[in-house]
């Protein structure tokens, strides 16, 4: 795996868009990063749920309406983002698999691929109710296939990445030394 370019994220003047596989820690990391950098935080999944007239969660919307409809909700959420100058945005796990979403977000700010060890992500996903995209068939085999497809796609659209656990530990360590 290639090394990600070194960058001082606190000096980034544009919005920071965090994306990556489900359960890598985009939301957790995004909240920590936004607080640490004193920037507003936006979570696309939360925005979708907040605007759902039926009050459904992401899982319910995806299950009831399917992937194509969910992508439309993601596009709407992205387009409804306020002026997010210097904000931090956490996307859904498959948001950037859609070319329109990827283009909209890349025009807004710095795309940062949040990575985590595959084994840890798999453990997190399989210890909860399986997401709808893993319910059709052999979930272990599907996970491996989808992981591979997404990693290849993510690497093709973004050259900057961070390891979720490492950055979370660094932020928390920095805070404890200040406090």
Protein backbone atom coordinates (compact mmCIF):
# COMPACT_ATOMS: atom_id res chain seq x y z
CA UNK A 1 0.00 0.00 0.00
CA UNK A 2 1.33 3.42 -0.94
CA UNK A 3 1.94 6.00 1.74
CA UNK A 4 -0.57 8.84 1.83
CA UNK A 5 0.95 12.29 1.25
CA UNK A 6 1.76 14.14 4.45
CA UNK A 7 -0.55 17.06 5.13
CA UNK A 8 -1.29 19.28 8.12
CA UNK A 9 -5.06 18.93 8.17
CA UNK A 10 -5.42 21.95 10.49
CA UNK A 11 -4.06 24.13 7.66
CA UNK A 12 -6.64 22.92 5.13
CA UNK A 13 -8.80 25.93 4.33
CA UNK A 14 -11.57 24.07 2.51
CA UNK A 15 -14.14 21.59 3.87
CA UNK A 16 -12.76 18.18 4.81
CA UNK A 17 -14.88 15.37 3.35
CA UNK A 18 -14.38 12.02 5.10
CA UNK A 19 -15.37 8.90 3.18
CA UNK A 20 -14.70 5.19 3.39
CA UNK A 21 -16.22 1.79 4.01
CA UNK A 22 -19.04 1.32 6.49
CA UNK A 23 -17.84 1.13 10.11
CA UNK A 24 -14.35 2.57 9.57
CA UNK A 25 -15.13 5.39 12.01
CA UNK A 26 -15.98 8.32 9.70
CA UNK A 27 -18.57 9.83 12.04
CA UNK A 28 -16.55 9.30 15.22
CA UNK A 29 -13.42 10.67 13.60
CA UNK A 30 -15.35 13.52 11.96
CA UNK A 31 -16.78 14.68 15.29
CA UNK A 32 -13.37 14.54 16.99
CA UNK A 33 -11.69 16.33 14.09
CA UNK A 34 -14.35 19.03 13.87
CA UNK A 35 -14.18 19.68 17.60
CA UNK A 36 -10.39 19.70 17.60
CA UNK A 37 -10.24 22.08 14.62
CA UNK A 38 -13.21 24.13 15.88
CA UNK A 39 -15.21 23.55 12.72
CA UNK A 40 -18.84 22.60 12.15
CA UNK A 41 -19.59 18.90 11.62
CA UNK A 42 -22.09 17.44 9.14
CA UNK A 43 -23.08 13.77 8.89
CA UNK A 44 -24.86 12.90 5.62
CA UNK A 45 -26.66 9.90 7.14
CA UNK A 46 -27.98 12.06 9.99
CA UNK A 47 -29.12 14.68 7.49
CA UNK A 48 -30.98 12.06 5.44
CA UNK A 49 -32.74 10.69 8.53
CA UNK A 50 -33.58 14.16 9.83
CA UNK A 51 -35.27 15.03 6.54
CA UNK A 52 -37.17 11.75 6.17
CA UNK A 53 -40.89 12.49 6.60
CA UNK A 54 -41.47 9.02 8.07
CA UNK A 55 -38.69 9.41 10.63
CA UNK A 56 -36.84 6.33 9.40
CA UNK A 57 -33.22 5.44 9.93
CA UNK A 58 -30.71 4.83 7.13
CA UNK A 59 -31.14 1.05 7.35
CA UNK A 60 -34.93 1.30 7.03
CA UNK A 61 -34.80 3.74 4.11
CA UNK A 62 -32.30 1.55 2.24
CA UNK A 63 -34.27 -1.64 2.97
CA UNK A 64 -37.65 -0.19 2.02
CA UNK A 65 -36.67 1.90 -0.99
CA UNK A 66 -33.49 0.30 -2.33
CA UNK A 67 -30.05 1.54 -3.29
CA UNK A 68 -31.12 3.80 -6.18
CA UNK A 69 -33.61 5.74 -4.05
CA UNK A 70 -31.08 6.00 -1.24
CA UNK A 71 -28.51 7.49 -3.62
CA UNK A 72 -31.05 10.19 -4.51
CA UNK A 73 -31.39 11.00 -0.80
CA UNK A 74 -27.59 11.24 -0.56
CA UNK A 75 -27.44 13.59 -3.54
CA UNK A 76 -30.14 15.79 -2.00
CA UNK A 77 -28.33 15.86 1.34
CA UNK A 78 -25.08 16.88 -0.35
CA UNK A 79 -26.81 19.62 -2.33
CA UNK A 80 -28.56 20.88 0.81
CA UNK A 81 -25.34 21.26 2.77
CA UNK A 82 -25.05 24.85 3.92
CA UNK A 83 -22.02 26.89 3.00
CA UNK A 84 -19.64 24.46 4.64
CA UNK A 85 -16.51 26.58 4.40
CA UNK A 86 -13.97 24.83 6.62
CA UNK A 87 -16.53 22.27 7.87
CA UNK A 88 -16.01 18.53 8.32
CA UNK A 89 -18.38 16.15 6.54
CA UNK A 90 -18.80 12.41 7.15
CA UNK A 91 -20.37 10.55 4.23
CA UNK A 92 -22.17 7.22 4.14
CA UNK A 93 -20.16 4.10 3.42
CA UNK A 94 -21.07 3.95 -0.27
CA UNK A 95 -21.69 7.63 -1.01
CA UNK A 96 -18.67 8.07 -3.25
CA UNK A 97 -19.52 4.94 -5.26
CA UNK A 98 -22.00 7.19 -7.04
CA UNK A 99 -20.23 9.37 -9.60
CA UNK A 100 -22.57 12.34 -9.11
CA UNK A 101 -22.05 12.29 -5.33
CA UNK A 102 -18.29 11.90 -5.78
CA UNK A 103 -18.14 14.86 -8.18
CA UNK A 104 -20.31 17.09 -5.98
CA UNK A 105 -18.20 16.36 -2.90
CA UNK A 106 -14.85 16.69 -4.67
CA UNK A 107 -15.91 20.15 -5.89
CA UNK A 108 -16.80 21.15 -2.30
CA UNK A 109 -13.62 20.25 -0.51
CA UNK A 110 -10.74 17.93 0.26
CA UNK A 111 -11.65 14.25 -0.07
CA UNK A 112 -10.01 12.13 2.62
CA UNK A 113 -10.33 8.35 2.52
CA UNK A 114 -10.73 7.04 6.07
CA UNK A 115 -9.16 3.59 6.27
CA UNK A 116 -9.19 0.89 8.87
CA UNK A 117 -7.99 -2.70 8.96
CA UNK A 118 -10.38 -4.95 7.03
CA UNK A 119 -10.54 -7.47 9.89
CA UNK A 120 -11.61 -4.77 12.37
CA UNK A 121 -14.24 -3.36 10.00
CA UNK A 122 -15.60 -6.84 9.33
CA UNK A 123 -15.76 -7.56 13.05
CA UNK A 124 -17.66 -4.31 13.67
CA UNK A 125 -20.15 -5.00 10.88
CA UNK A 126 -20.75 -8.65 11.71
CA UNK A 127 -21.21 -7.96 15.44
CA UNK A 128 -24.34 -5.87 14.68
CA UNK A 129 -27.40 -6.35 12.52
CA UNK A 130 -26.06 -6.82 9.03
CA UNK A 131 -26.53 -3.87 6.69
CA UNK A 132 -28.97 -4.41 3.80
CA UNK A 133 -26.18 -4.63 1.23
CA UNK A 134 -24.94 -7.84 2.92
CA UNK A 135 -28.28 -9.59 3.21
CA UNK A 136 -28.50 -11.03 -0.31
CA UNK A 137 -26.62 -14.31 -0.20
CA UNK A 138 -23.41 -15.39 1.51
CA UNK A 139 -22.64 -12.34 3.67
CA UNK A 140 -18.96 -13.27 4.20
CA UNK A 141 -18.37 -13.64 0.46
CA UNK A 142 -20.35 -10.48 -0.28
CA UNK A 143 -18.33 -8.51 2.26
CA UNK A 144 -15.04 -9.57 0.60
CA UNK A 145 -16.35 -8.72 -2.88
CA UNK A 146 -17.75 -5.32 -1.88
CA UNK A 147 -14.63 -4.48 0.16
CA UNK A 148 -12.40 -5.15 -2.85
CA UNK A 149 -14.61 -3.16 -5.25
CA UNK A 150 -14.80 -0.16 -2.96
CA UNK A 151 -11.11 -0.09 -2.08
CA UNK A 152 -10.21 -0.08 -5.78
CA UNK A 153 -12.76 2.66 -6.46
CA UNK A 154 -11.72 4.78 -3.47
CA UNK A 155 -8.06 4.59 -4.49
CA UNK A 156 -8.94 5.66 -8.02
CA UNK A 157 -10.66 8.86 -6.87
CA UNK A 158 -8.55 9.94 -3.92
CA UNK A 159 -4.87 9.87 -3.09
CA UNK A 160 -5.13 11.20 0.47
CA UNK A 161 -6.04 8.81 3.26
CA UNK A 162 -5.84 8.48 7.02
CA UNK A 163 -6.04 5.54 9.38
CA UNK A 164 -9.06 6.05 11.61
CA UNK A 165 -7.73 4.41 14.79
CA UNK A 166 -4.35 6.14 14.58
CA UNK A 167 -5.81 9.62 14.11
CA UNK A 168 -8.42 9.13 16.83
CA UNK A 169 -5.67 8.07 19.26
CA UNK A 170 -3.52 11.05 18.25
CA UNK A 171 -6.38 13.53 18.80
CA UNK A 172 -7.32 12.05 22.18
CA UNK A 173 -3.67 11.90 23.27
CA UNK A 174 -3.17 15.55 22.25
CA UNK A 175 -6.28 16.56 24.23
CA UNK A 176 -5.19 14.73 27.37
CA UNK A 177 -1.81 16.49 27.27
CA UNK A 178 -3.53 19.89 26.95
CA UNK A 179 -6.05 19.19 29.72
